[in-house]
PDB file of all heavy atoms in Angstrom:
ATOM      1  N   ARG A   1     110.712 102.613  81.068  1.00  0.00           N
ATOM      2  CA  ARG A   1     109.294 102.386  81.362  1.00  0.00           C
ATOM      3  C   ARG A   1     108.803 101.122  80.669  1.00  0.00           C
ATOM      4  O   ARG A   1     108.031 100.347  81.218  1.00  0.00           O
ATOM      5  CB  ARG A   1     108.465 103.598  80.928  1.00  0.00           C
ATOM      6  CG  ARG A   1     108.625 104.808  81.833  1.00  0.00           C
ATOM      7  CD  ARG A   1     107.479 105.779  81.645  1.00  0.00           C
ATOM      8  NE  ARG A   1     107.386 106.290  80.289  1.00  0.00           N
ATOM      9  CZ  ARG A   1     108.047 107.360  79.851  1.00  0.00           C
ATOM     10  NH1 ARG A   1     108.871 108.000  80.656  1.00  0.00           N
ATOM     11  NH2 ARG A   1     107.894 107.770  78.615  1.00  0.00           N
ATOM     12  N   LEU A   2     109.271 100.913  79.422  1.00  0.00           N
ATOM     13  CA  LEU A   2     108.877  99.712  78.695  1.00  0.00           C
ATOM     14  C   LEU A   2     109.369  98.468  79.406  1.00  0.00           C
ATOM     15  O   LEU A   2     108.666  97.463  79.515  1.00  0.00           O
ATOM     16  CB  LEU A   2     109.414  99.758  77.262  1.00  0.00           C
ATOM     17  CG  LEU A   2     108.760 100.787  76.331  1.00  0.00           C
ATOM     18  CD1 LEU A   2     109.525 100.843  75.012  1.00  0.00           C
ATOM     19  CD2 LEU A   2     107.290 100.459  76.091  1.00  0.00           C
ATOM     20  N   ILE A   3     110.623  98.524  79.911  1.00  0.00           N
ATOM     21  CA  ILE A   3     111.178  97.397  80.655  1.00  0.00           C
ATOM     22  C   ILE A   3     110.375  97.150  81.911  1.00  0.00           C
ATOM     23  O   ILE A   3     110.019  96.022  82.243  1.00  0.00           O
ATOM     24  CB  ILE A   3     112.661  97.670  80.992  1.00  0.00           C
ATOM     25  CG1 ILE A   3     113.497  97.652  79.715  1.00  0.00           C
ATOM     26  CG2 ILE A   3     113.195  96.646  81.986  1.00  0.00           C
ATOM     27  CD1 ILE A   3     114.927  98.109  79.907  1.00  0.00           C
ATOM     28  N   HIS A   4     110.055  98.246  82.629  1.00  0.00           N
ATOM     29  CA  HIS A   4     109.272  98.127  83.861  1.00  0.00           C
ATOM     30  C   HIS A   4     107.914  97.504  83.568  1.00  0.00           C
ATOM     31  O   HIS A   4     107.451  96.626  84.278  1.00  0.00           O
ATOM     32  CB  HIS A   4     109.104  99.512  84.474  1.00  0.00           C
ATOM     33  CG  HIS A   4     108.427  99.511  85.803  1.00  0.00           C
ATOM     34  ND1 HIS A   4     108.970  98.891  86.898  1.00  0.00           N
ATOM     35  CD2 HIS A   4     107.264 100.073  86.222  1.00  0.00           C
ATOM     36  CE1 HIS A   4     108.188  99.069  87.939  1.00  0.00           C
ATOM     37  NE2 HIS A   4     107.140  99.774  87.550  1.00  0.00           N
ATOM     38  N   ASN A   5     107.293  97.944  82.483  1.00  0.00           N
ATOM     39  CA  ASN A   5     105.987  97.395  82.123  1.00  0.00           C
ATOM     40  C   ASN A   5     106.086  95.934  81.765  1.00  0.00           C
ATOM     41  O   ASN A   5     105.177  95.141  82.041  1.00  0.00           O
ATOM     42  CB  ASN A   5     105.394  98.176  80.948  1.00  0.00           C
ATOM     43  CG  ASN A   5     104.925  99.564  81.357  1.00  0.00           C
ATOM     44  OD1 ASN A   5     104.693  99.801  82.541  1.00  0.00           O
ATOM     45  ND2 ASN A   5     104.809 100.468  80.403  1.00  0.00           N
ATOM     46  N   LYS A   6     107.208  95.520  81.151  1.00  0.00           N
ATOM     47  CA  LYS A   6     107.386  94.110  80.811  1.00  0.00           C
ATOM     48  C   LYS A   6     107.423  93.252  82.067  1.00  0.00           C
ATOM     49  O   LYS A   6     106.944  92.132  82.089  1.00  0.00           O
ATOM     50  CB  LYS A   6     108.671  93.924  79.998  1.00  0.00           C
ATOM     51  CG  LYS A   6     108.868  92.486  79.520  1.00  0.00           C
ATOM     52  CD  LYS A   6     110.107  92.367  78.663  1.00  0.00           C
ATOM     53  CE  LYS A   6     110.290  90.933  78.179  1.00  0.00           C
ATOM     54  NZ  LYS A   6     111.509  90.761  77.380  1.00  0.00           N
ATOM     55  N   VAL A   7     108.009  93.811  83.130  1.00  0.00           N
ATOM     56  CA  VAL A   7     108.061  93.084  84.396  1.00  0.00           C
ATOM     57  C   VAL A   7     106.672  92.930  84.986  1.00  0.00           C
ATOM     58  O   VAL A   7     106.284  91.879  85.474  1.00  0.00           O
ATOM     59  CB  VAL A   7     108.969  93.825  85.406  1.00  0.00           C
ATOM     60  CG1 VAL A   7     108.926  93.140  86.761  1.00  0.00           C
ATOM     61  CG2 VAL A   7     110.394  93.856  84.897  1.00  0.00           C
ATOM     62  N   LEU A   8     105.882  94.017  84.923  1.00  0.00           N
ATOM     63  CA  LEU A   8     104.610  94.024  85.636  1.00  0.00           C
ATOM     64  C   LEU A   8     103.427  93.595  84.783  1.00  0.00           C
ATOM     65  O   LEU A   8     102.396  93.208  85.308  1.00  0.00           O
ATOM     66  CB  LEU A   8     104.351  95.430  86.189  1.00  0.00           C
ATOM     67  CG  LEU A   8     105.353  95.892  87.248  1.00  0.00           C
ATOM     68  CD1 LEU A   8     105.006  97.300  87.698  1.00  0.00           C
ATOM     69  CD2 LEU A   8     105.380  94.960  88.434  1.00  0.00           C
ATOM     70  N   HIS A   9     103.546  93.705  83.467  1.00  0.00           N
ATOM     71  CA  HIS A   9     102.410  93.385  82.602  1.00  0.00           C
ATOM     72  C   HIS A   9     102.667  92.061  81.889  1.00  0.00           C
ATOM     73  O   HIS A   9     103.548  91.964  81.059  1.00  0.00           O
ATOM     74  CB  HIS A   9     102.215  94.458  81.529  1.00  0.00           C
ATOM     75  CG  HIS A   9     101.919  95.813  82.111  1.00  0.00           C
ATOM     76  ND1 HIS A   9     101.792  96.918  81.328  1.00  0.00           N
ATOM     77  CD2 HIS A   9     101.736  96.228  83.393  1.00  0.00           C
ATOM     78  CE1 HIS A   9     101.551  97.979  82.093  1.00  0.00           C
ATOM     79  NE2 HIS A   9     101.511  97.571  83.350  1.00  0.00           N
ATOM     80  N   ASN A  10     101.921  91.045  82.214  1.00  0.00           N
ATOM     81  CA  ASN A  10     101.997  89.805  81.459  1.00  0.00           C
ATOM     82  C   ASN A  10     100.609  89.215  81.386  1.00  0.00           C
ATOM     83  O   ASN A  10      99.631  89.853  81.760  1.00  0.00           O
ATOM     84  CB  ASN A  10     103.007  88.818  82.059  1.00  0.00           C
ATOM     85  CG  ASN A  10     102.668  88.439  83.497  1.00  0.00           C
ATOM     86  OD1 ASN A  10     101.540  88.616  83.943  1.00  0.00           O
ATOM     87  ND2 ASN A  10     103.637  87.911  84.212  1.00  0.00           N
ATOM     88  N   SER A  11     100.484  87.988  80.903  1.00  0.00           N
ATOM     89  CA  SER A  11      99.160  87.400  80.702  1.00  0.00           C
ATOM     90  C   SER A  11      98.367  87.315  81.986  1.00  0.00           C
ATOM     91  O   SER A  11      97.147  87.282  81.988  1.00  0.00           O
ATOM     92  CB  SER A  11      99.307  86.004  80.091  1.00  0.00           C
ATOM     93  OG  SER A  11     100.094  85.177  80.934  1.00  0.00           O
ATOM     94  N   MET A  12      99.098  87.285  83.119  1.00  0.00           N
ATOM     95  CA  MET A  12      98.406  87.171  84.393  1.00  0.00           C
ATOM     96  C   MET A  12      97.622  88.431  84.718  1.00  0.00           C
ATOM     97  O   MET A  12      96.664  88.402  85.462  1.00  0.00           O
ATOM     98  CB  MET A  12      99.425  86.889  85.498  1.00  0.00           C
ATOM     99  CG  MET A  12      98.817  86.733  86.861  1.00  0.00           C
ATOM    100  SD  MET A  12     100.081  86.289  88.030  1.00  0.00           S
ATOM    101  CE  MET A  12      99.139  86.414  89.534  1.00  0.00           C
ATOM    102  N   GLU A  13      98.033  89.577  84.157  1.00  0.00           N
ATOM    103  CA  GLU A  13      97.456  90.842  84.569  1.00  0.00           C
ATOM    104  C   GLU A  13      96.471  91.397  83.536  1.00  0.00           C
ATOM    105  O   GLU A  13      96.190  92.589  83.521  1.00  0.00           O
ATOM    106  CB  GLU A  13      98.572  91.837  84.859  1.00  0.00           C
ATOM    107  CG  GLU A  13      99.318  91.435  86.128  1.00  0.00           C
ATOM    108  CD  GLU A  13     100.732  91.942  86.140  1.00  0.00           C
ATOM    109  OE1 GLU A  13     101.304  92.077  85.044  1.00  0.00           O
ATOM    110  OE2 GLU A  13     101.257  92.200  87.217  1.00  0.00           O
ATOM    111  N   ASN A  14      95.960  90.563  82.682  1.00  0.00           N
ATOM    112  CA  ASN A  14      94.906  90.972  81.781  1.00  0.00           C
ATOM    113  C   ASN A  14      93.730  91.494  82.595  1.00  0.00           C
ATOM    114  O   ASN A  14      93.290  90.865  83.557  1.00  0.00           O
ATOM    115  CB  ASN A  14      94.495  89.771  80.925  1.00  0.00           C
ATOM    116  CG  ASN A  14      93.343  90.095  80.002  1.00  0.00           C
ATOM    117  OD1 ASN A  14      92.193  90.076  80.424  1.00  0.00           O
ATOM    118  ND2 ASN A  14      93.663  90.380  78.764  1.00  0.00           N
ATOM    119  N   ILE A  15      93.221  92.688  82.231  1.00  0.00           N
ATOM    120  CA  ILE A  15      92.174  93.323  83.041  1.00  0.00           C
ATOM    121  C   ILE A  15      90.935  92.449  83.125  1.00  0.00           C
ATOM    122  O   ILE A  15      90.304  92.336  84.193  1.00  0.00           O
ATOM    123  CB  ILE A  15      91.834  94.707  82.466  1.00  0.00           C
ATOM    124  CG1 ILE A  15      93.012  95.658  82.682  1.00  0.00           C
ATOM    125  CG2 ILE A  15      90.583  95.276  83.134  1.00  0.00           C
ATOM    126  CD1 ILE A  15      92.796  97.045  82.114  1.00  0.00           C
ATOM    127  N   ASP A  16      90.560  91.799  82.027  1.00  0.00           N
ATOM    128  CA  ASP A  16      89.369  90.933  82.052  1.00  0.00           C
ATOM    129  C   ASP A  16      89.558  89.771  83.019  1.00  0.00           C
ATOM    130  O   ASP A  16      88.638  89.418  83.769  1.00  0.00           O
ATOM    131  CB  ASP A  16      89.071  90.402  80.646  1.00  0.00           C
ATOM    132  CG  ASP A  16      88.596  91.509  79.705  1.00  0.00           C
ATOM    133  OD1 ASP A  16      88.095  92.536  80.205  1.00  0.00           O
ATOM    134  OD2 ASP A  16      88.735  91.337  78.479  1.00  0.00           O
ATOM    135  N   SER A  17      90.766  89.180  83.005  1.00  0.00           N
ATOM    136  CA  SER A  17      91.037  88.078  83.933  1.00  0.00           C
ATOM    137  C   SER A  17      90.980  88.555  85.373  1.00  0.00           C
ATOM    138  O   SER A  17      90.447  87.883  86.259  1.00  0.00           O
ATOM    139  CB  SER A  17      92.416  87.463  83.638  1.00  0.00           C
ATOM    140  OG  SER A  17      92.449  86.890  82.359  1.00  0.00           O
ATOM    141  N   TYR A  18      91.550  89.738  85.603  1.00  0.00           N
ATOM    142  CA  TYR A  18      91.550  90.266  86.967  1.00  0.00           C
ATOM    143  C   TYR A  18      90.129  90.595  87.423  1.00  0.00           C
ATOM    144  O   TYR A  18      89.753  90.317  88.564  1.00  0.00           O
ATOM    145  CB  TYR A  18      92.444  91.513  87.040  1.00  0.00           C
ATOM    146  CG  TYR A  18      92.557  92.094  88.432  1.00  0.00           C
ATOM    147  CD1 TYR A  18      92.653  91.272  89.554  1.00  0.00           C
ATOM    148  CD2 TYR A  18      92.568  93.463  88.636  1.00  0.00           C
ATOM    149  CE1 TYR A  18      92.763  91.798  90.825  1.00  0.00           C
ATOM    150  CE2 TYR A  18      92.681  94.008  89.905  1.00  0.00           C
ATOM    151  CZ  TYR A  18      92.772  93.172  90.999  1.00  0.00           C
ATOM    152  OH  TYR A  18      92.868  93.692  92.265  1.00  0.00           O
ATOM    153  N   ASN A  19      89.332  91.170  86.538  1.00  0.00           N
ATOM    154  CA  ASN A  19      87.943  91.461  86.903  1.00  0.00           C
ATOM    155  C   ASN A  19      87.164  90.181  87.204  1.00  0.00           C
ATOM    156  O   ASN A  19      86.332  90.147  88.110  1.00  0.00           O
ATOM    157  CB  ASN A  19      87.254  92.250  85.787  1.00  0.00           C
ATOM    158  CG  ASN A  19      87.728  93.694  85.720  1.00  0.00           C
ATOM    159  OD1 ASN A  19      88.242  94.231  86.702  1.00  0.00           O
ATOM    160  ND2 ASN A  19      87.562  94.321  84.564  1.00  0.00           N
ATOM    161  N   ALA A  20      87.453  89.114  86.450  1.00  0.00           N
ATOM    162  CA  ALA A  20      86.792  87.826  86.716  1.00  0.00           C
ATOM    163  C   ALA A  20      87.212  87.287  88.080  1.00  0.00           C
ATOM    164  O   ALA A  20      86.385  86.745  88.824  1.00  0.00           O
ATOM    165  CB  ALA A  20      87.139  86.831  85.607  1.00  0.00           C
ATOM    166  N   TRP A  21      88.493  87.438  88.393  1.00  0.00           N
ATOM    167  CA  TRP A  21      88.976  87.007  89.722  1.00  0.00           C
ATOM    168  C   TRP A  21      88.296  87.798  90.824  1.00  0.00           C
ATOM    169  O   TRP A  21      87.862  87.245  91.832  1.00  0.00           O
ATOM    170  CB  TRP A  21      90.495  87.196  89.797  1.00  0.00           C
ATOM    171  CG  TRP A  21      91.046  86.836  91.145  1.00  0.00           C
ATOM    172  CD1 TRP A  21      91.463  85.610  91.561  1.00  0.00           C
ATOM    173  CD2 TRP A  21      91.223  87.716  92.261  1.00  0.00           C
ATOM    174  NE1 TRP A  21      91.883  85.672  92.868  1.00  0.00           N
ATOM    175  CE2 TRP A  21      91.747  86.942  93.324  1.00  0.00           C
ATOM    176  CE3 TRP A  21      90.980  89.075  92.468  1.00  0.00           C
ATOM    177  CZ2 TRP A  21      92.034  87.491  94.570  1.00  0.00           C
ATOM    178  CZ3 TRP A  21      91.270  89.622  93.704  1.00  0.00           C
ATOM    179  CH2 TRP A  21      91.793  88.826  94.743  1.00  0.00           C
ATOM    180  N   ARG A  22      88.201  89.117  90.648  1.00  0.00           N
ATOM    181  CA  ARG A  22      87.580  89.968  91.667  1.00  0.00           C
ATOM    182  C   ARG A  22      86.122  89.588  91.889  1.00  0.00           C
ATOM    183  O   ARG A  22      85.642  89.521  93.028  1.00  0.00           O
ATOM    184  CB  ARG A  22      87.682  91.435  91.255  1.00  0.00           C
ATOM    185  CG  ARG A  22      89.083  92.009  91.328  1.00  0.00           C
ATOM    186  CD  ARG A  22      89.101  93.439  90.819  1.00  0.00           C
ATOM    187  NE  ARG A  22      88.107  94.237  91.529  1.00  0.00           N
ATOM    188  CZ  ARG A  22      87.579  95.363  91.068  1.00  0.00           C
ATOM    189  NH1 ARG A  22      87.925  95.803  89.862  1.00  0.00           N
ATOM    190  NH2 ARG A  22      86.718  96.043  91.780  1.00  0.00           N
ATOM    191  N   LYS A  23      85.420  89.319  90.813  1.00  0.00           N
ATOM    192  CA  LYS A  23      84.000  88.971  90.943  1.00  0.00           C
ATOM    193  C   LYS A  23      83.822  87.675  91.712  1.00  0.00           C
ATOM    194  O   LYS A  23      82.910  87.541  92.542  1.00  0.00           O
ATOM    195  CB  LYS A  23      83.378  88.844  89.545  1.00  0.00           C
ATOM    196  CG  LYS A  23      81.885  88.540  89.583  1.00  0.00           C
ATOM    197  CD  LYS A  23      81.302  88.529  88.173  1.00  0.00           C
ATOM    198  CE  LYS A  23      79.798  88.252  88.218  1.00  0.00           C
ATOM    199  NZ  LYS A  23      79.204  88.224  86.859  1.00  0.00           N
ATOM    200  N   LYS A  24      84.724  86.743  91.498  1.00  0.00           N
ATOM    201  CA  LYS A  24      84.603  85.444  92.160  1.00  0.00           C
ATOM    202  C   LYS A  24      85.046  85.492  93.604  1.00  0.00           C
ATOM    203  O   LYS A  24      84.448  84.852  94.474  1.00  0.00           O
ATOM    204  CB  LYS A  24      85.435  84.405  91.400  1.00  0.00           C
ATOM    205  CG  LYS A  24      85.361  83.007  92.002  1.00  0.00           C
ATOM    206  CD  LYS A  24      86.134  82.010  91.153  1.00  0.00           C
ATOM    207  CE  LYS A  24      86.052  80.605  91.753  1.00  0.00           C
ATOM    208  NZ  LYS A  24      86.791  79.619  90.918  1.00  0.00           N
ATOM    209  N   HIS A  25      86.086  86.252  93.902  1.00  0.00           N
ATOM    210  CA  HIS A  25      86.699  86.197  95.226  1.00  0.00           C
ATOM    211  C   HIS A  25      86.328  87.367  96.129  1.00  0.00           C
ATOM    212  O   HIS A  25      86.072  87.177  97.307  1.00  0.00           O
ATOM    213  CB  HIS A  25      88.226  86.118  95.091  1.00  0.00           C
ATOM    214  CG  HIS A  25      88.703  84.850  94.468  1.00  0.00           C
ATOM    215  ND1 HIS A  25      88.910  83.700  95.177  1.00  0.00           N
ATOM    216  CD2 HIS A  25      88.995  84.562  93.171  1.00  0.00           C
ATOM    217  CE1 HIS A  25      89.320  82.745  94.360  1.00  0.00           C
ATOM    218  NE2 HIS A  25      89.389  83.246  93.140  1.00  0.00           N
ATOM    219  N   GLU A  26      86.312  88.580  95.574  1.00  0.00           N
ATOM    220  CA  GLU A  26      86.110  89.725  96.447  1.00  0.00           C
ATOM    221  C   GLU A  26      84.670  89.895  96.890  1.00  0.00           C
ATOM    222  O   GLU A  26      84.408  90.334  97.999  1.00  0.00           O
ATOM    223  CB  GLU A  26      86.599  91.005  95.762  1.00  0.00           C
ATOM    224  CG  GLU A  26      88.109  91.046  95.637  1.00  0.00           C
ATOM    225  CD  GLU A  26      88.633  92.419  95.339  1.00  0.00           C
ATOM    226  OE1 GLU A  26      87.938  93.182  94.633  1.00  0.00           O
ATOM    227  OE2 GLU A  26      89.736  92.738  95.806  1.00  0.00           O
ATOM    228  N   GLU A  27      83.701  89.539  96.056  1.00  0.00           N
ATOM    229  CA  GLU A  27      82.307  89.698  96.453  1.00  0.00           C
ATOM    230  C   GLU A  27      81.919  88.763  97.586  1.00  0.00           C
ATOM    231  O   GLU A  27      80.923  88.976  98.270  1.00  0.00           O
ATOM    232  CB  GLU A  27      81.387  89.475  95.242  1.00  0.00           C
ATOM    233  CG  GLU A  27      81.479  90.613  94.219  1.00  0.00           C
ATOM    234  CD  GLU A  27      80.509  90.429  93.072  1.00  0.00           C
ATOM    235  OE1 GLU A  27      79.775  89.416  93.073  1.00  0.00           O
ATOM    236  OE2 GLU A  27      80.471  91.285  92.174  1.00  0.00           O
ATOM    237  N   LYS A  28      82.709  87.712  97.785  1.00  0.00           N
ATOM    238  CA  LYS A  28      82.431  86.782  98.876  1.00  0.00           C
ATOM    239  C   LYS A  28      82.977  87.285 100.204  1.00  0.00           C
ATOM    240  O   LYS A  28      82.663  86.735 101.251  1.00  0.00           O
ATOM    241  CB  LYS A  28      83.038  85.406  98.560  1.00  0.00           C
ATOM    242  CG  LYS A  28      82.359  84.711  97.387  1.00  0.00           C
ATOM    243  CD  LYS A  28      82.977  83.341  97.154  1.00  0.00           C
ATOM    244  CE  LYS A  28      82.286  82.621  96.001  1.00  0.00           C
ATOM    245  NZ  LYS A  28      82.863  81.289  95.762  1.00  0.00           N
ATOM    246  N   ARG A  29      83.790  88.339 100.151  1.00  0.00           N
ATOM    247  CA  ARG A  29      84.423  88.820 101.375  1.00  0.00           C
ATOM    248  C   ARG A  29      83.561  89.904 102.021  1.00  0.00           C
ATOM    249  O   ARG A  29      83.966  91.041 102.183  1.00  0.00           O
ATOM    250  CB  ARG A  29      85.825  89.341 101.083  1.00  0.00           C
ATOM    251  CG  ARG A  29      86.787  88.261 100.648  1.00  0.00           C
ATOM    252  CD  ARG A  29      88.210  88.720 100.737  1.00  0.00           C
ATOM    253  NE  ARG A  29      88.449  89.857  99.834  1.00  0.00           N
ATOM    254  CZ  ARG A  29      89.347  90.795 100.082  1.00  0.00           C
ATOM    255  NH1 ARG A  29      90.048  90.770 101.176  1.00  0.00           N
ATOM    256  NH2 ARG A  29      89.535  91.771  99.227  1.00  0.00           N
ATOM    257  N   THR A  30      82.355  89.585 102.364  1.00  0.00           N
ATOM    258  CA  THR A  30      81.454  90.517 103.033  1.00  0.00           C
ATOM    259  C   THR A  30      81.605  90.343 104.532  1.00  0.00           C
ATOM    260  O   THR A  30      80.765  89.719 105.197  1.00  0.00           O
ATOM    261  CB  THR A  30      80.002  90.275 102.597  1.00  0.00           C
ATOM    262  OG1 THR A  30      79.687  88.883 102.826  1.00  0.00           O
ATOM    263  CG2 THR A  30      79.825  90.588 101.117  1.00  0.00           C
ATOM    264  N   MET A  31      82.692  90.876 105.056  1.00  0.00           N
ATOM    265  CA  MET A  31      82.995  90.729 106.478  1.00  0.00           C
ATOM    266  C   MET A  31      82.235  91.774 107.280  1.00  0.00           C
ATOM    267  O   MET A  31      81.844  92.828 106.782  1.00  0.00           O
ATOM    268  CB  MET A  31      84.494  90.882 106.716  1.00  0.00           C
ATOM    269  CG  MET A  31      85.341  89.903 105.939  1.00  0.00           C
ATOM    270  SD  MET A  31      87.098  90.152 106.247  1.00  0.00           S
ATOM    271  CE  MET A  31      87.207  89.624 107.947  1.00  0.00           C
ATOM    272  N   ILE A  32      81.990  91.475 108.535  1.00  0.00           N
ATOM    273  CA  ILE A  32      81.322  92.405 109.435  1.00  0.00           C
ATOM    274  C   ILE A  32      82.274  92.760 110.565  1.00  0.00           C
ATOM    275  O   ILE A  32      83.283  92.106 110.785  1.00  0.00           O
ATOM    276  CB  ILE A  32      80.025  91.797 110.012  1.00  0.00           C
ATOM    277  CG1 ILE A  32      80.347  90.517 110.806  1.00  0.00           C
ATOM    278  CG2 ILE A  32      79.023  91.500 108.917  1.00  0.00           C
ATOM    279  CD1 ILE A  32      79.142  89.938 111.528  1.00  0.00           C
ATOM    280  N   SER A  33      81.949  93.814 111.279  1.00  0.00           N
ATOM    281  CA  SER A  33      82.802  94.261 112.385  1.00  0.00           C
ATOM    282  C   SER A  33      82.613  93.342 113.584  1.00  0.00           C
ATOM    283  O   SER A  33      81.808  93.601 114.478  1.00  0.00           O
ATOM    284  CB  SER A  33      82.462  95.711 112.755  1.00  0.00           C
ATOM    285  OG  SER A  33      82.751  96.568 111.692  1.00  0.00           O
ATOM    286  N   SER A  34      83.373  92.273 113.589  1.00  0.00           N
ATOM    287  CA  SER A  34      83.282  91.310 114.681  1.00  0.00           C
ATOM    288  C   SER A  34      83.839  91.916 115.958  1.00  0.00           C
ATOM    289  O   SER A  34      84.668  92.828 115.926  1.00  0.00           O
ATOM    290  CB  SER A  34      84.058  90.039 114.329  1.00  0.00           C
ATOM    291  OG  SER A  34      83.611  89.509 113.110  1.00  0.00           O
ATOM    292  N   LYS A  35      83.412  91.398 117.075  1.00  0.00           N
ATOM    293  CA  LYS A  35      83.937  91.833 118.367  1.00  0.00           C
ATOM    294  C   LYS A  35      85.119  90.942 118.720  1.00  0.00           C
ATOM    295  O   LYS A  35      84.966  89.887 119.314  1.00  0.00           O
ATOM    296  CB  LYS A  35      82.847  91.765 119.437  1.00  0.00           C
ATOM    297  CG  LYS A  35      81.735  92.788 119.235  1.00  0.00           C
ATOM    298  CD  LYS A  35      80.744  92.763 120.401  1.00  0.00           C
ATOM    299  CE  LYS A  35      79.690  93.824 120.223  1.00  0.00           C
ATOM    300  NZ  LYS A  35      78.703  93.835 121.344  1.00  0.00           N
ATOM    301  N   PHE A  36      86.287  91.385 118.326  1.00  0.00           N
ATOM    302  CA  PHE A  36      87.500  90.623 118.595  1.00  0.00           C
ATOM    303  C   PHE A  36      87.857  90.726 120.070  1.00  0.00           C
ATOM    304  O   PHE A  36      87.608  91.741 120.727  1.00  0.00           O
ATOM    305  CB  PHE A  36      88.665  91.162 117.768  1.00  0.00           C
ATOM    306  CG  PHE A  36      88.492  91.041 116.282  1.00  0.00           C
ATOM    307  CD1 PHE A  36      88.363  92.174 115.498  1.00  0.00           C
ATOM    308  CD2 PHE A  36      88.467  89.802 115.667  1.00  0.00           C
ATOM    309  CE1 PHE A  36      88.212  92.075 114.122  1.00  0.00           C
ATOM    310  CE2 PHE A  36      88.317  89.692 114.303  1.00  0.00           C
ATOM    311  CZ  PHE A  36      88.184  90.831 113.528  1.00  0.00           C
ATOM    312  N   SER A  37      88.482  89.679 120.579  1.00  0.00           N
ATOM    313  CA  SER A  37      88.987  89.743 121.951  1.00  0.00           C
ATOM    314  C   SER A  37      90.184  90.685 122.039  1.00  0.00           C
ATOM    315  O   SER A  37      90.470  91.250 123.091  1.00  0.00           O
ATOM    316  CB  SER A  37      89.392  88.345 122.442  1.00  0.00           C
ATOM    317  OG  SER A  37      90.378  87.784 121.601  1.00  0.00           O
ATOM    318  N   TYR A  38      90.879  90.857 120.923  1.00  0.00           N
ATOM    319  CA  TYR A  38      92.036  91.743 120.857  1.00  0.00           C
ATOM    320  C   TYR A  38      91.748  92.791 119.802  1.00  0.00           C
ATOM    321  O   TYR A  38      91.581  92.477 118.621  1.00  0.00           O
ATOM    322  CB  TYR A  38      93.275  90.919 120.509  1.00  0.00           C
ATOM    323  CG  TYR A  38      94.549  91.700 120.308  1.00  0.00           C
ATOM    324  CD1 TYR A  38      94.935  92.706 121.196  1.00  0.00           C
ATOM    325  CD2 TYR A  38      95.391  91.406 119.245  1.00  0.00           C
ATOM    326  CE1 TYR A  38      96.118  93.408 121.014  1.00  0.00           C
ATOM    327  CE2 TYR A  38      96.585  92.092 119.057  1.00  0.00           C
ATOM    328  CZ  TYR A  38      96.934  93.098 119.946  1.00  0.00           C
ATOM    329  OH  TYR A  38      98.118  93.785 119.760  1.00  0.00           O
ATOM    330  N   GLN A  39      91.673  94.048 120.211  1.00  0.00           N
ATOM    331  CA  GLN A  39      91.323  95.129 119.291  1.00  0.00           C
ATOM    332  C   GLN A  39      92.362  96.252 119.369  1.00  0.00           C
ATOM    333  O   GLN A  39      92.110  97.320 119.935  1.00  0.00           O
ATOM    334  CB  GLN A  39      89.933  95.684 119.607  1.00  0.00           C
ATOM    335  CG  GLN A  39      88.820  94.651 119.475  1.00  0.00           C
ATOM    336  CD  GLN A  39      87.446  95.283 119.587  1.00  0.00           C
ATOM    337  OE1 GLN A  39      87.188  96.336 119.019  1.00  0.00           O
ATOM    338  NE2 GLN A  39      86.563  94.636 120.323  1.00  0.00           N
ATOM    339  N   PRO A  40      93.544  96.023 118.841  1.00  0.00           N
ATOM    340  CA  PRO A  40      94.583  97.056 118.906  1.00  0.00           C
ATOM    341  C   PRO A  40      94.236  98.268 118.061  1.00  0.00           C
ATOM    342  O   PRO A  40      93.588  98.146 117.024  1.00  0.00           O
ATOM    343  CB  PRO A  40      95.810  96.332 118.347  1.00  0.00           C
ATOM    344  CG  PRO A  40      95.229  95.327 117.391  1.00  0.00           C
ATOM    345  CD  PRO A  40      93.958  94.860 118.041  1.00  0.00           C
ATOM    346  N   LYS A  41      94.667  99.424 118.526  1.00  0.00           N
ATOM    347  CA  LYS A  41      94.503 100.626 117.703  1.00  0.00           C
ATOM    348  C   LYS A  41      95.557 100.604 116.600  1.00  0.00           C
ATOM    349  O   LYS A  41      96.728 100.325 116.842  1.00  0.00           O
ATOM    350  CB  LYS A  41      94.666 101.893 118.537  1.00  0.00           C
ATOM    351  CG  LYS A  41      94.518 103.181 117.696  1.00  0.00           C
ATOM    352  CD  LYS A  41      94.827 104.434 118.500  1.00  0.00           C
ATOM    353  CE  LYS A  41      93.705 104.747 119.458  1.00  0.00           C
ATOM    354  NZ  LYS A  41      93.927 106.070 120.131  1.00  0.00           N
ATOM    355  N   ILE A  42      95.109 100.911 115.379  1.00  0.00           N
ATOM    356  CA  ILE A  42      96.019 101.008 114.242  1.00  0.00           C
ATOM    357  C   ILE A  42      96.070 102.461 113.794  1.00  0.00           C
ATOM    358  O   ILE A  42      95.040 103.053 113.464  1.00  0.00           O
ATOM    359  CB  ILE A  42      95.575 100.101 113.086  1.00  0.00           C
ATOM    360  CG1 ILE A  42      95.556  98.633 113.529  1.00  0.00           C
ATOM    361  CG2 ILE A  42      96.506 100.269 111.878  1.00  0.00           C
ATOM    362  CD1 ILE A  42      95.082  97.664 112.480  1.00  0.00           C
TER     363      ILE A  42
END
């Protein structure tokens, strides 16, 4: 588990840094239900 965490946890994944990224990028993604010409069922 420690080895696995070493792979996944580094300076890039600091929670504060990630929260700052989310605030800058995700809040701008206020998409609406556009009427696409192609609307496949998923």
